[in-house]
């Protein structure tokens, strides 16, 4: 039986468009590693361009896990993700390779790194529909207020714009009669973990994100959204209302131009980047931050090599 000291886990975090995918590919090739995605946007089949999913060539060059594991009308909750991620990491360890957890979805990364045990409360479609209808009528602020009365800690931790997480927290509170935050137990994971964070000056990162959005449009993002709609995936689905997809709704309903859609994706991406920095704080002592330069891969590789030989 391997001890926890013999189960290394390399983690790469940071905001969208900062270069996590490129770095993870370099490190995986050098360290004989495999990549486990902790980006919730990459779970869904057919949503490739708008999520900046690794290309087929990149995925062929390095094994990837937890990409394309669900259809857009399915839900991959935190509890299911944690089980799948732990299984993938164990499988990689069993083959004597290095698992590299990569992603910008903070709660998914922490669920693995910190050993969260999310409450195993099954979905309640009727309750969810009721809460979503309340949000439509009164706005998400009404759900925040309702959650604050039941679980003040969760109400302060959840982004008030994140309807899906608000509904889930209320669903757990109302179904169990206990605060959502109190049901997140933590079991120390069996890993020796190194967390590496990538960052860059905010203005430069915004410009980089804008350039990537332009590339997505040139690559056919509009057509990708059209295909998803034609396949029957509606705007009510969490995957279709997310970043890079939901902003197209006014366009397809004849209420916005394509230029306005692009501008809204840019604004939403900047909000998302700010939200990610709230999860992955530069002051977090458990994350070793590197500023992105042309030599960042070499700098991180040297740092990781020192950790591996310890």
C-alpha atoms as a PDB file:
ATOM      1  CA  UNK A   1       0.000   0.000   0.000  1.00  0.00           C
ATOM      2  CA  UNK A   2       1.444   3.328  -1.001  1.00  0.00           C
ATOM      3  CA  UNK A   3       1.720   6.014   1.637  1.00  0.00           C
ATOM      4  CA  UNK A   4       0.343   9.508   1.143  1.00  0.00           C
ATOM      5  CA  UNK A   5       3.896  10.752   0.624  1.00  0.00           C
ATOM      6  CA  UNK A   6       4.150   8.558  -2.493  1.00  0.00           C
ATOM      7  CA  UNK A   7       1.008   9.949  -4.148  1.00  0.00           C
ATOM      8  CA  UNK A   8       2.052  13.212  -5.813  1.00  0.00           C
ATOM      9  CA  UNK A   9      -0.560  15.493  -7.347  1.00  0.00           C
ATOM     10  CA  UNK A  10       0.455  18.532  -9.378  1.00  0.00           C
ATOM     11  CA  UNK A  11      -2.235  21.218  -9.657  1.00  0.00           C
ATOM     12  CA  UNK A  12      -2.254  24.118 -12.124  1.00  0.00           C
ATOM     13  CA  UNK A  13      -4.721  26.924 -11.464  1.00  0.00           C
ATOM     14  CA  UNK A  14      -5.371  30.449 -12.643  1.00  0.00           C
ATOM     15  CA  UNK A  15      -7.871  32.572 -14.546  1.00  0.00           C
ATOM     16  CA  UNK A  16      -9.196  31.843 -18.006  1.00  0.00           C
ATOM     17  CA  UNK A  17      -6.931  32.662 -20.990  1.00  0.00           C
ATOM     18  CA  UNK A  18      -3.796  32.872 -18.839  1.00  0.00           C
ATOM     19  CA  UNK A  19      -2.148  29.821 -20.438  1.00  0.00           C
ATOM     20  CA  UNK A  20      -2.933  26.844 -18.183  1.00  0.00           C
ATOM     21  CA  UNK A  21      -3.509  24.449 -21.085  1.00  0.00           C
ATOM     22  CA  UNK A  22      -0.203  25.243 -22.789  1.00  0.00           C
ATOM     23  CA  UNK A  23       1.739  24.884 -19.533  1.00  0.00           C
ATOM     24  CA  UNK A  24      -0.003  21.642 -18.587  1.00  0.00           C
ATOM     25  CA  UNK A  25       0.909  20.094 -21.941  1.00  0.00           C
ATOM     26  CA  UNK A  26       4.573  21.031 -21.526  1.00  0.00           C
ATOM     27  CA  UNK A  27       4.711  19.643 -17.991  1.00  0.00           C
ATOM     28  CA  UNK A  28       2.809  16.475 -18.854  1.00  0.00           C
ATOM     29  CA  UNK A  29       5.202  15.643 -21.687  1.00  0.00           C
ATOM     30  CA  UNK A  30       8.244  16.353 -19.547  1.00  0.00           C
ATOM     31  CA  UNK A  31       7.033  14.591 -16.391  1.00  0.00           C
ATOM     32  CA  UNK A  32       5.302  11.593 -17.984  1.00  0.00           C
ATOM     33  CA  UNK A  33       2.018  12.976 -16.740  1.00  0.00           C
ATOM     34  CA  UNK A  34      -1.664  12.884 -17.572  1.00  0.00           C
ATOM     35  CA  UNK A  35      -4.083  15.774 -17.321  1.00  0.00           C
ATOM     36  CA  UNK A  36      -7.262  15.684 -15.226  1.00  0.00           C
ATOM     37  CA  UNK A  37      -9.554  18.586 -16.123  1.00  0.00           C
ATOM     38  CA  UNK A  38     -11.068  20.586 -13.288  1.00  0.00           C
ATOM     39  CA  UNK A  39     -12.798  23.001 -15.653  1.00  0.00           C
ATOM     40  CA  UNK A  40     -16.551  22.462 -15.469  1.00  0.00           C
ATOM     41  CA  UNK A  41     -17.018  23.994 -18.938  1.00  0.00           C
ATOM     42  CA  UNK A  42     -15.035  21.168 -20.558  1.00  0.00           C
ATOM     43  CA  UNK A  43     -17.373  18.413 -19.370  1.00  0.00           C
ATOM     44  CA  UNK A  44     -19.866  18.880 -22.205  1.00  0.00           C
ATOM     45  CA  UNK A  45     -19.759  17.211 -25.606  1.00  0.00           C
ATOM     46  CA  UNK A  46     -20.211  19.486 -28.606  1.00  0.00           C
ATOM     47  CA  UNK A  47     -19.157  22.587 -26.680  1.00  0.00           C
ATOM     48  CA  UNK A  48     -15.624  22.876 -27.989  1.00  0.00           C
ATOM     49  CA  UNK A  49     -14.943  26.326 -29.401  1.00  0.00           C
ATOM     50  CA  UNK A  50     -16.659  28.432 -26.741  1.00  0.00           C
ATOM     51  CA  UNK A  51     -14.905  26.576 -23.929  1.00  0.00           C
ATOM     52  CA  UNK A  52     -11.418  26.686 -25.505  1.00  0.00           C
ATOM     53  CA  UNK A  53     -11.295  22.917 -25.131  1.00  0.00           C
ATOM     54  CA  UNK A  54      -7.884  21.317 -25.851  1.00  0.00           C
ATOM     55  CA  UNK A  55      -7.663  20.410 -29.522  1.00  0.00           C
ATOM     56  CA  UNK A  56      -7.844  16.797 -30.737  1.00  0.00           C
ATOM     57  CA  UNK A  57      -4.105  16.960 -31.491  1.00  0.00           C
ATOM     58  CA  UNK A  58      -3.327  18.168 -27.969  1.00  0.00           C
ATOM     59  CA  UNK A  59      -5.508  15.470 -26.433  1.00  0.00           C
ATOM     60  CA  UNK A  60      -3.829  12.855 -28.607  1.00  0.00           C
ATOM     61  CA  UNK A  61      -0.357  13.957 -27.522  1.00  0.00           C
ATOM     62  CA  UNK A  62      -1.144  13.762 -23.785  1.00  0.00           C
ATOM     63  CA  UNK A  63      -3.878  11.689 -22.100  1.00  0.00           C
ATOM     64  CA  UNK A  64      -6.722  13.861 -20.783  1.00  0.00           C
ATOM     65  CA  UNK A  65      -9.453  12.908 -18.322  1.00  0.00           C
ATOM     66  CA  UNK A  66     -12.899  14.356 -17.507  1.00  0.00           C
ATOM     67  CA  UNK A  67     -13.414  16.055 -20.863  1.00  0.00           C
ATOM     68  CA  UNK A  68     -16.549  15.251 -22.896  1.00  0.00           C
ATOM     69  CA  UNK A  69     -18.119  13.210 -20.099  1.00  0.00           C
ATOM     70  CA  UNK A  70     -21.683  14.544 -20.392  1.00  0.00           C
ATOM     71  CA  UNK A  71     -24.205  15.909 -22.855  1.00  0.00           C
ATOM     72  CA  UNK A  72     -25.178  19.583 -22.492  1.00  0.00           C
ATOM     73  CA  UNK A  73     -28.518  18.651 -20.910  1.00  0.00           C
ATOM     74  CA  UNK A  74     -26.846  16.612 -18.166  1.00  0.00           C
ATOM     75  CA  UNK A  75     -25.455  17.864 -14.878  1.00  0.00           C
ATOM     76  CA  UNK A  76     -22.021  17.078 -13.481  1.00  0.00           C
ATOM     77  CA  UNK A  77     -22.336  18.153  -9.865  1.00  0.00           C
ATOM     78  CA  UNK A  78     -19.513  18.626  -7.405  1.00  0.00           C
ATOM     79  CA  UNK A  79     -19.991  15.234  -5.737  1.00  0.00           C
ATOM     80  CA  UNK A  80     -19.893  13.369  -9.058  1.00  0.00           C
ATOM     81  CA  UNK A  81     -16.882  15.359 -10.242  1.00  0.00           C
ATOM     82  CA  UNK A  82     -14.961  14.562  -7.065  1.00  0.00           C
ATOM     83  CA  UNK A  83     -15.636  10.835  -7.437  1.00  0.00           C
ATOM     84  CA  UNK A  84     -14.582  10.858 -11.090  1.00  0.00           C
ATOM     85  CA  UNK A  85     -11.475  12.943 -10.403  1.00  0.00           C
ATOM     86  CA  UNK A  86     -10.364  10.706  -7.539  1.00  0.00           C
ATOM     87  CA  UNK A  87     -10.863   7.620  -9.710  1.00  0.00           C
ATOM     88  CA  UNK A  88      -8.872   9.159 -12.581  1.00  0.00           C
ATOM     89  CA  UNK A  89      -6.047  10.201 -10.246  1.00  0.00           C
ATOM     90  CA  UNK A  90      -5.915   6.716  -8.695  1.00  0.00           C
ATOM     91  CA  UNK A  91      -5.791   5.153 -12.162  1.00  0.00           C
ATOM     92  CA  UNK A  92      -2.930   7.435 -13.206  1.00  0.00           C
ATOM     93  CA  UNK A  93      -1.007   6.620 -10.016  1.00  0.00           C
ATOM     94  CA  UNK A  94      -1.579   2.898 -10.614  1.00  0.00           C
ATOM     95  CA  UNK A  95       0.204   3.270 -13.961  1.00  0.00           C
ATOM     96  CA  UNK A  96       3.078   5.106 -12.242  1.00  0.00           C
ATOM     97  CA  UNK A  97       2.413   8.364 -14.030  1.00  0.00           C
ATOM     98  CA  UNK A  98       1.921  11.848 -12.608  1.00  0.00           C
ATOM     99  CA  UNK A  99      -1.635  13.232 -12.376  1.00  0.00           C
ATOM    100  CA  UNK A 100      -1.860  16.938 -13.213  1.00  0.00           C
ATOM    101  CA  UNK A 101      -5.120  18.560 -12.122  1.00  0.00           C
ATOM    102  CA  UNK A 102      -5.779  21.602 -14.307  1.00  0.00           C
ATOM    103  CA  UNK A 103      -8.584  24.096 -14.162  1.00  0.00           C
ATOM    104  CA  UNK A 104     -10.130  27.396 -13.396  1.00  0.00           C
ATOM    105  CA  UNK A 105     -13.231  26.180 -11.519  1.00  0.00           C
ATOM    106  CA  UNK A 106     -12.236  26.933  -7.945  1.00  0.00           C
ATOM    107  CA  UNK A 107     -14.718  24.782  -6.074  1.00  0.00           C
ATOM    108  CA  UNK A 108     -13.887  21.729  -8.211  1.00  0.00           C
ATOM    109  CA  UNK A 109     -10.160  22.131  -7.583  1.00  0.00           C
ATOM    110  CA  UNK A 110     -10.676  22.578  -3.856  1.00  0.00           C
ATOM    111  CA  UNK A 111     -13.013  19.604  -3.659  1.00  0.00           C
ATOM    112  CA  UNK A 112     -10.063  17.413  -4.672  1.00  0.00           C
ATOM    113  CA  UNK A 113      -7.176  19.260  -3.040  1.00  0.00           C
ATOM    114  CA  UNK A 114      -8.913  19.895   0.283  1.00  0.00           C
ATOM    115  CA  UNK A 115     -10.943  16.676   0.400  1.00  0.00           C
ATOM    116  CA  UNK A 116     -14.426  18.170   0.354  1.00  0.00           C
ATOM    117  CA  UNK A 117     -17.290  15.726   0.790  1.00  0.00           C
ATOM    118  CA  UNK A 118     -20.254  17.463  -0.875  1.00  0.00           C
ATOM    119  CA  UNK A 119     -23.699  16.559   0.489  1.00  0.00           C
ATOM    120  CA  UNK A 120     -25.176  13.584  -1.360  1.00  0.00           C
ATOM    121  CA  UNK A 121     -28.645  15.087  -1.797  1.00  0.00           C
ATOM    122  CA  UNK A 122     -30.359  13.958  -5.011  1.00  0.00           C
ATOM    123  CA  UNK A 123     -31.826  16.633  -7.298  1.00  0.00           C
ATOM    124  CA  UNK A 124     -35.420  17.684  -6.626  1.00  0.00           C
ATOM    125  CA  UNK A 125     -36.739  18.851 -10.033  1.00  0.00           C
ATOM    126  CA  UNK A 126     -39.955  20.330  -8.588  1.00  0.00           C
ATOM    127  CA  UNK A 127     -38.109  22.352  -5.949  1.00  0.00           C
ATOM    128  CA  UNK A 128     -35.533  23.522  -8.474  1.00  0.00           C
ATOM    129  CA  UNK A 129     -38.276  24.662 -10.831  1.00  0.00           C
ATOM    130  CA  UNK A 130     -39.932  26.579  -7.994  1.00  0.00           C
ATOM    131  CA  UNK A 131     -36.681  28.319  -7.035  1.00  0.00           C
ATOM    132  CA  UNK A 132     -35.811  29.142 -10.633  1.00  0.00           C
ATOM    133  CA  UNK A 133     -39.279  30.620 -11.140  1.00  0.00           C
ATOM    134  CA  UNK A 134     -38.809  32.768  -8.035  1.00  0.00           C
ATOM    135  CA  UNK A 135     -35.506  33.994  -9.465  1.00  0.00           C
ATOM    136  CA  UNK A 136     -37.221  34.887 -12.749  1.00  0.00           C
ATOM    137  CA  UNK A 137     -39.938  36.809 -10.933  1.00  0.00           C
ATOM    138  CA  UNK A 138     -37.911  38.522  -8.231  1.00  0.00           C
ATOM    139  CA  UNK A 139     -34.285  38.245  -9.329  1.00  0.00           C
ATOM    140  CA  UNK A 140     -31.450  36.225  -7.811  1.00  0.00           C
ATOM    141  CA  UNK A 141     -31.313  38.677  -4.896  1.00  0.00           C
ATOM    142  CA  UNK A 142     -34.475  37.032  -3.576  1.00  0.00           C
ATOM    143  CA  UNK A 143     -32.718  33.653  -3.500  1.00  0.00           C
ATOM    144  CA  UNK A 144     -29.672  35.192  -1.820  1.00  0.00           C
ATOM    145  CA  UNK A 145     -31.933  36.642   0.890  1.00  0.00           C
ATOM    146  CA  UNK A 146     -33.694  33.326   1.319  1.00  0.00           C
ATOM    147  CA  UNK A 147     -30.382  31.491   1.578  1.00  0.00           C
ATOM    148  CA  UNK A 148     -29.030  34.067   4.055  1.00  0.00           C
ATOM    149  CA  UNK A 149     -31.902  33.230   6.404  1.00  0.00           C
ATOM    150  CA  UNK A 150     -31.073  29.514   6.229  1.00  0.00           C
ATOM    151  CA  UNK A 151     -27.293  29.579   5.851  1.00  0.00           C
ATOM    152  CA  UNK A 152     -25.569  32.973   6.234  1.00  0.00           C
ATOM    153  CA  UNK A 153     -22.128  31.464   5.545  1.00  0.00           C
ATOM    154  CA  UNK A 154     -23.143  29.971   2.192  1.00  0.00           C
ATOM    155  CA  UNK A 155     -24.946  33.182   1.217  1.00  0.00           C
ATOM    156  CA  UNK A 156     -21.722  35.173   1.564  1.00  0.00           C
ATOM    157  CA  UNK A 157     -19.611  32.617  -0.306  1.00  0.00           C
ATOM    158  CA  UNK A 158     -21.748  32.069  -3.403  1.00  0.00           C
ATOM    159  CA  UNK A 159     -21.609  34.524  -6.306  1.00  0.00           C
ATOM    160  CA  UNK A 160     -25.084  36.133  -6.380  1.00  0.00           C
ATOM    161  CA  UNK A 161     -25.084  35.856 -10.190  1.00  0.00           C
ATOM    162  CA  UNK A 162     -24.567  32.087 -10.036  1.00  0.00           C
ATOM    163  CA  UNK A 163     -28.175  30.908 -10.154  1.00  0.00           C
ATOM    164  CA  UNK A 164     -27.254  27.232 -10.356  1.00  0.00           C
ATOM    165  CA  UNK A 165     -25.207  27.291  -7.145  1.00  0.00           C
ATOM    166  CA  UNK A 166     -27.818  29.360  -5.310  1.00  0.00           C
ATOM    167  CA  UNK A 167     -30.522  26.884  -6.268  1.00  0.00           C
ATOM    168  CA  UNK A 168     -28.368  23.935  -5.239  1.00  0.00           C
ATOM    169  CA  UNK A 169     -27.542  25.447  -1.846  1.00  0.00           C
ATOM    170  CA  UNK A 170     -31.211  26.168  -1.164  1.00  0.00           C
ATOM    171  CA  UNK A 171     -32.175  22.709  -2.409  1.00  0.00           C
ATOM    172  CA  UNK A 172     -29.815  21.083   0.107  1.00  0.00           C
ATOM    173  CA  UNK A 173     -30.931  23.359   2.963  1.00  0.00           C
ATOM    174  CA  UNK A 174     -34.629  22.826   2.314  1.00  0.00           C
ATOM    175  CA  UNK A 175     -34.305  19.079   1.676  1.00  0.00           C
ATOM    176  CA  UNK A 176     -32.242  18.303   4.771  1.00  0.00           C
ATOM    177  CA  UNK A 177     -33.208  21.036   7.195  1.00  0.00           C
ATOM    178  CA  UNK A 178     -29.522  21.770   7.762  1.00  0.00           C
ATOM    179  CA  UNK A 179     -27.225  24.541   6.452  1.00  0.00           C
ATOM    180  CA  UNK A 180     -25.548  23.744   3.150  1.00  0.00           C
ATOM    181  CA  UNK A 181     -22.151  24.926   4.462  1.00  0.00           C
ATOM    182  CA  UNK A 182     -22.358  22.631   7.517  1.00  0.00           C
ATOM    183  CA  UNK A 183     -22.690  19.569   5.293  1.00  0.00           C
ATOM    184  CA  UNK A 184     -19.398  20.069   3.500  1.00  0.00           C
ATOM    185  CA  UNK A 185     -17.178  17.804   5.528  1.00  0.00           C
ATOM    186  CA  UNK A 186     -13.492  17.564   4.706  1.00  0.00           C
ATOM    187  CA  UNK A 187     -11.468  14.373   4.650  1.00  0.00           C
ATOM    188  CA  UNK A 188      -7.710  14.873   4.165  1.00  0.00           C
ATOM    189  CA  UNK A 189      -6.890  13.569   0.662  1.00  0.00           C
ATOM    190  CA  UNK A 190      -4.101  10.999   0.199  1.00  0.00           C
ATOM    191  CA  UNK A 191      -1.952  13.268  -1.944  1.00  0.00           C
ATOM    192  CA  UNK A 192       1.294  15.166  -1.683  1.00  0.00           C
ATOM    193  CA  UNK A 193       0.090  18.235  -3.537  1.00  0.00           C
ATOM    194  CA  UNK A 194       1.881  21.082  -5.250  1.00  0.00           C
ATOM    195  CA  UNK A 195      -0.307  23.940  -6.492  1.00  0.00           C
ATOM    196  CA  UNK A 196       1.079  26.210  -9.199  1.00  0.00           C
ATOM    197  CA  UNK A 197      -0.796  29.356 -10.192  1.00  0.00           C
ATOM    198  CA  UNK A 198      -0.407  31.407 -13.366  1.00  0.00           C
ATOM    199  CA  UNK A 199      -1.128  35.124 -13.358  1.00  0.00           C
ATOM    200  CA  UNK A 200      -0.433  38.229 -15.386  1.00  0.00           C
ATOM    201  CA  UNK A 201      -1.152  41.948 -15.297  1.00  0.00           C
ATOM    202  CA  UNK A 202      -4.909  42.374 -15.443  1.00  0.00           C
ATOM    203  CA  UNK A 203      -5.034  44.655 -18.489  1.00  0.00           C
ATOM    204  CA  UNK A 204      -2.805  42.300 -20.458  1.00  0.00           C
ATOM    205  CA  UNK A 205      -4.955  39.343 -19.416  1.00  0.00           C
ATOM    206  CA  UNK A 206      -8.131  41.114 -20.550  1.00  0.00           C
ATOM    207  CA  UNK A 207      -6.507  41.868 -23.911  1.00  0.00           C
ATOM    208  CA  UNK A 208      -5.459  38.225 -24.208  1.00  0.00           C
ATOM    209  CA  UNK A 209      -8.992  37.088 -23.414  1.00  0.00           C
ATOM    210  CA  UNK A 210     -10.425  39.479 -26.016  1.00  0.00           C
ATOM    211  CA  UNK A 211      -8.034  38.090 -28.618  1.00  0.00           C
ATOM    212  CA  UNK A 212      -9.096  34.542 -27.777  1.00  0.00           C
ATOM    213  CA  UNK A 213     -12.756  35.478 -28.141  1.00  0.00           C
ATOM    214  CA  UNK A 214     -11.980  36.888 -31.602  1.00  0.00           C
ATOM    215  CA  UNK A 215     -10.287  33.589 -32.475  1.00  0.00           C
ATOM    216  CA  UNK A 216     -13.346  31.669 -31.260  1.00  0.00           C
ATOM    217  CA  UNK A 217     -15.610  33.720 -33.494  1.00  0.00           C
ATOM    218  CA  UNK A 218     -13.299  33.154 -36.461  1.00  0.00           C
ATOM    219  CA  UNK A 219     -13.266  29.422 -35.679  1.00  0.00           C
ATOM    220  CA  UNK A 220     -17.066  29.209 -35.913  1.00  0.00           C
ATOM    221  CA  UNK A 221     -18.488  29.814 -32.440  1.00  0.00           C
ATOM    222  CA  UNK A 222     -21.753  31.136 -33.879  1.00  0.00           C
ATOM    223  CA  UNK A 223     -22.182  27.936 -35.895  1.00  0.00           C
ATOM    224  CA  UNK A 224     -21.388  25.814 -32.836  1.00  0.00           C
ATOM    225  CA  UNK A 225     -24.150  27.506 -30.848  1.00  0.00           C
ATOM    226  CA  UNK A 226     -26.534  27.107 -33.773  1.00  0.00           C
ATOM    227  CA  UNK A 227     -25.796  23.367 -33.930  1.00  0.00           C
ATOM    228  CA  UNK A 228     -26.460  22.976 -30.221  1.00  0.00           C
ATOM    229  CA  UNK A 229     -29.807  24.764 -30.527  1.00  0.00           C
ATOM    230  CA  UNK A 230     -30.725  22.640 -33.547  1.00  0.00           C
ATOM    231  CA  UNK A 231     -29.927  19.528 -31.504  1.00  0.00           C
ATOM    232  CA  UNK A 232     -32.572  20.580 -28.990  1.00  0.00           C
ATOM    233  CA  UNK A 233     -30.411  22.069 -26.255  1.00  0.00           C
ATOM    234  CA  UNK A 234     -32.315  25.099 -24.960  1.00  0.00           C
ATOM    235  CA  UNK A 235     -31.237  28.281 -23.233  1.00  0.00           C
ATOM    236  CA  UNK A 236     -32.657  27.052 -19.917  1.00  0.00           C
ATOM    237  CA  UNK A 237     -29.849  24.523 -19.557  1.00  0.00           C
ATOM    238  CA  UNK A 238     -26.939  25.568 -17.298  1.00  0.00           C
ATOM    239  CA  UNK A 239     -24.428  24.631 -20.007  1.00  0.00           C
ATOM    240  CA  UNK A 240     -26.227  26.777 -22.608  1.00  0.00           C
ATOM    241  CA  UNK A 241     -26.578  29.760 -20.297  1.00  0.00           C
ATOM    242  CA  UNK A 242     -22.879  29.746 -19.441  1.00  0.00           C
ATOM    243  CA  UNK A 243     -20.010  31.909 -20.599  1.00  0.00           C
ATOM    244  CA  UNK A 244     -19.599  32.012 -24.360  1.00  0.00           C
ATOM    245  CA  UNK A 245     -23.030  30.556 -25.073  1.00  0.00           C
ATOM    246  CA  UNK A 246     -25.740  32.348 -23.117  1.00  0.00           C
ATOM    247  CA  UNK A 247     -24.638  35.690 -24.536  1.00  0.00           C
ATOM    248  CA  UNK A 248     -25.838  34.527 -27.971  1.00  0.00           C
ATOM    249  CA  UNK A 249     -29.482  34.290 -26.911  1.00  0.00           C
ATOM    250  CA  UNK A 250     -30.451  37.897 -27.810  1.00  0.00           C
ATOM    251  CA  UNK A 251     -28.766  37.444 -31.189  1.00  0.00           C
ATOM    252  CA  UNK A 252     -30.692  34.305 -32.057  1.00  0.00           C
ATOM    253  CA  UNK A 253     -33.893  35.951 -30.848  1.00  0.00           C
ATOM    254  CA  UNK A 254     -33.309  38.940 -33.132  1.00  0.00           C
ATOM    255  CA  UNK A 255     -32.595  41.406 -30.337  1.00  0.00           C
ATOM    256  CA  UNK A 256     -28.838  41.962 -30.723  1.00  0.00           C
ATOM    257  CA  UNK A 257     -26.144  42.106 -33.364  1.00  0.00           C
ATOM    258  CA  UNK A 258     -23.168  39.789 -33.518  1.00  0.00           C
ATOM    259  CA  UNK A 259     -20.936  42.699 -32.523  1.00  0.00           C
ATOM    260  CA  UNK A 260     -23.036  43.219 -29.404  1.00  0.00           C
ATOM    261  CA  UNK A 261     -22.754  39.520 -28.581  1.00  0.00           C
ATOM    262  CA  UNK A 262     -18.969  39.676 -28.800  1.00  0.00           C
ATOM    263  CA  UNK A 263     -18.892  42.751 -26.549  1.00  0.00           C
ATOM    264  CA  UNK A 264     -21.082  40.995 -23.982  1.00  0.00           C
ATOM    265  CA  UNK A 265     -18.875  37.870 -24.031  1.00  0.00           C
ATOM    266  CA  UNK A 266     -15.887  40.133 -23.416  1.00  0.00           C
ATOM    267  CA  UNK A 267     -17.610  41.794 -20.451  1.00  0.00           C
ATOM    268  CA  UNK A 268     -18.763  38.458 -19.033  1.00  0.00           C
ATOM    269  CA  UNK A 269     -15.261  37.026 -19.414  1.00  0.00           C
ATOM    270  CA  UNK A 270     -13.774  39.900 -17.442  1.00  0.00           C
ATOM    271  CA  UNK A 271     -16.323  39.327 -14.668  1.00  0.00           C
ATOM    272  CA  UNK A 272     -15.428  35.640 -14.733  1.00  0.00           C
ATOM    273  CA  UNK A 273     -11.720  36.429 -14.428  1.00  0.00           C
ATOM    274  CA  UNK A 274     -12.386  38.622 -11.396  1.00  0.00           C
ATOM    275  CA  UNK A 275     -14.459  35.827  -9.866  1.00  0.00           C
ATOM    276  CA  UNK A 276     -11.657  33.322 -10.462  1.00  0.00           C
ATOM    277  CA  UNK A 277      -9.184  35.580  -8.677  1.00  0.00           C
ATOM    278  CA  UNK A 278     -11.551  35.522  -5.701  1.00  0.00           C
ATOM    279  CA  UNK A 279     -11.205  31.743  -5.632  1.00  0.00           C
ATOM    280  CA  UNK A 280      -7.478  31.629  -6.382  1.00  0.00           C
ATOM    281  CA  UNK A 281      -6.131  34.499  -4.328  1.00  0.00           C
ATOM    282  CA  UNK A 282      -2.617  35.747  -4.976  1.00  0.00           C
ATOM    283  CA  UNK A 283      -2.168  35.872  -1.195  1.00  0.00           C
ATOM    284  CA  UNK A 284      -3.002  32.154  -0.796  1.00  0.00           C
ATOM    285  CA  UNK A 285       0.155  30.578   0.702  1.00  0.00           C
ATOM    286  CA  UNK A 286      -0.748  27.124  -0.681  1.00  0.00           C
ATOM    287  CA  UNK A 287      -0.454  28.353  -4.294  1.00  0.00           C
ATOM    288  CA  UNK A 288       2.951  29.142  -5.805  1.00  0.00           C
ATOM    289  CA  UNK A 289       2.303  31.939  -8.291  1.00  0.00           C
ATOM    290  CA  UNK A 290       4.226  32.596 -11.488  1.00  0.00           C
ATOM    291  CA  UNK A 291       3.782  35.633 -13.700  1.00  0.00           C
ATOM    292  CA  UNK A 292       3.365  34.598 -17.331  1.00  0.00           C
ATOM    293  CA  UNK A 293       6.369  35.483 -19.483  1.00  0.00           C
ATOM    294  CA  UNK A 294       7.956  33.778 -22.485  1.00  0.00           C
ATOM    295  CA  UNK A 295      10.070  31.774 -20.028  1.00  0.00           C
ATOM    296  CA  UNK A 296       7.332  30.750 -17.591  1.00  0.00           C
ATOM    297  CA  UNK A 297       7.338  27.096 -18.707  1.00  0.00           C
ATOM    298  CA  UNK A 298      11.043  26.790 -17.918  1.00  0.00           C
ATOM    299  CA  UNK A 299      10.600  28.539 -14.559  1.00  0.00           C
ATOM    300  CA  UNK A 300       7.718  26.324 -13.511  1.00  0.00           C
ATOM    301  CA  UNK A 301       9.481  23.169 -14.765  1.00  0.00           C
ATOM    302  CA  UNK A 302      12.546  23.921 -12.620  1.00  0.00           C
ATOM    303  CA  UNK A 303      10.342  24.593  -9.597  1.00  0.00           C
ATOM    304  CA  UNK A 304       8.321  21.405 -10.074  1.00  0.00           C
ATOM    305  CA  UNK A 305      11.503  19.353 -10.550  1.00  0.00           C
ATOM    306  CA  UNK A 306      12.674  20.454  -7.107  1.00  0.00           C
ATOM    307  CA  UNK A 307       9.364  19.303  -5.620  1.00  0.00           C
ATOM    308  CA  UNK A 308       9.464  15.912  -7.349  1.00  0.00           C
ATOM    309  CA  UNK A 309      12.962  14.999  -6.142  1.00  0.00           C
ATOM    310  CA  UNK A 310      12.177  15.844  -2.503  1.00  0.00           C
END
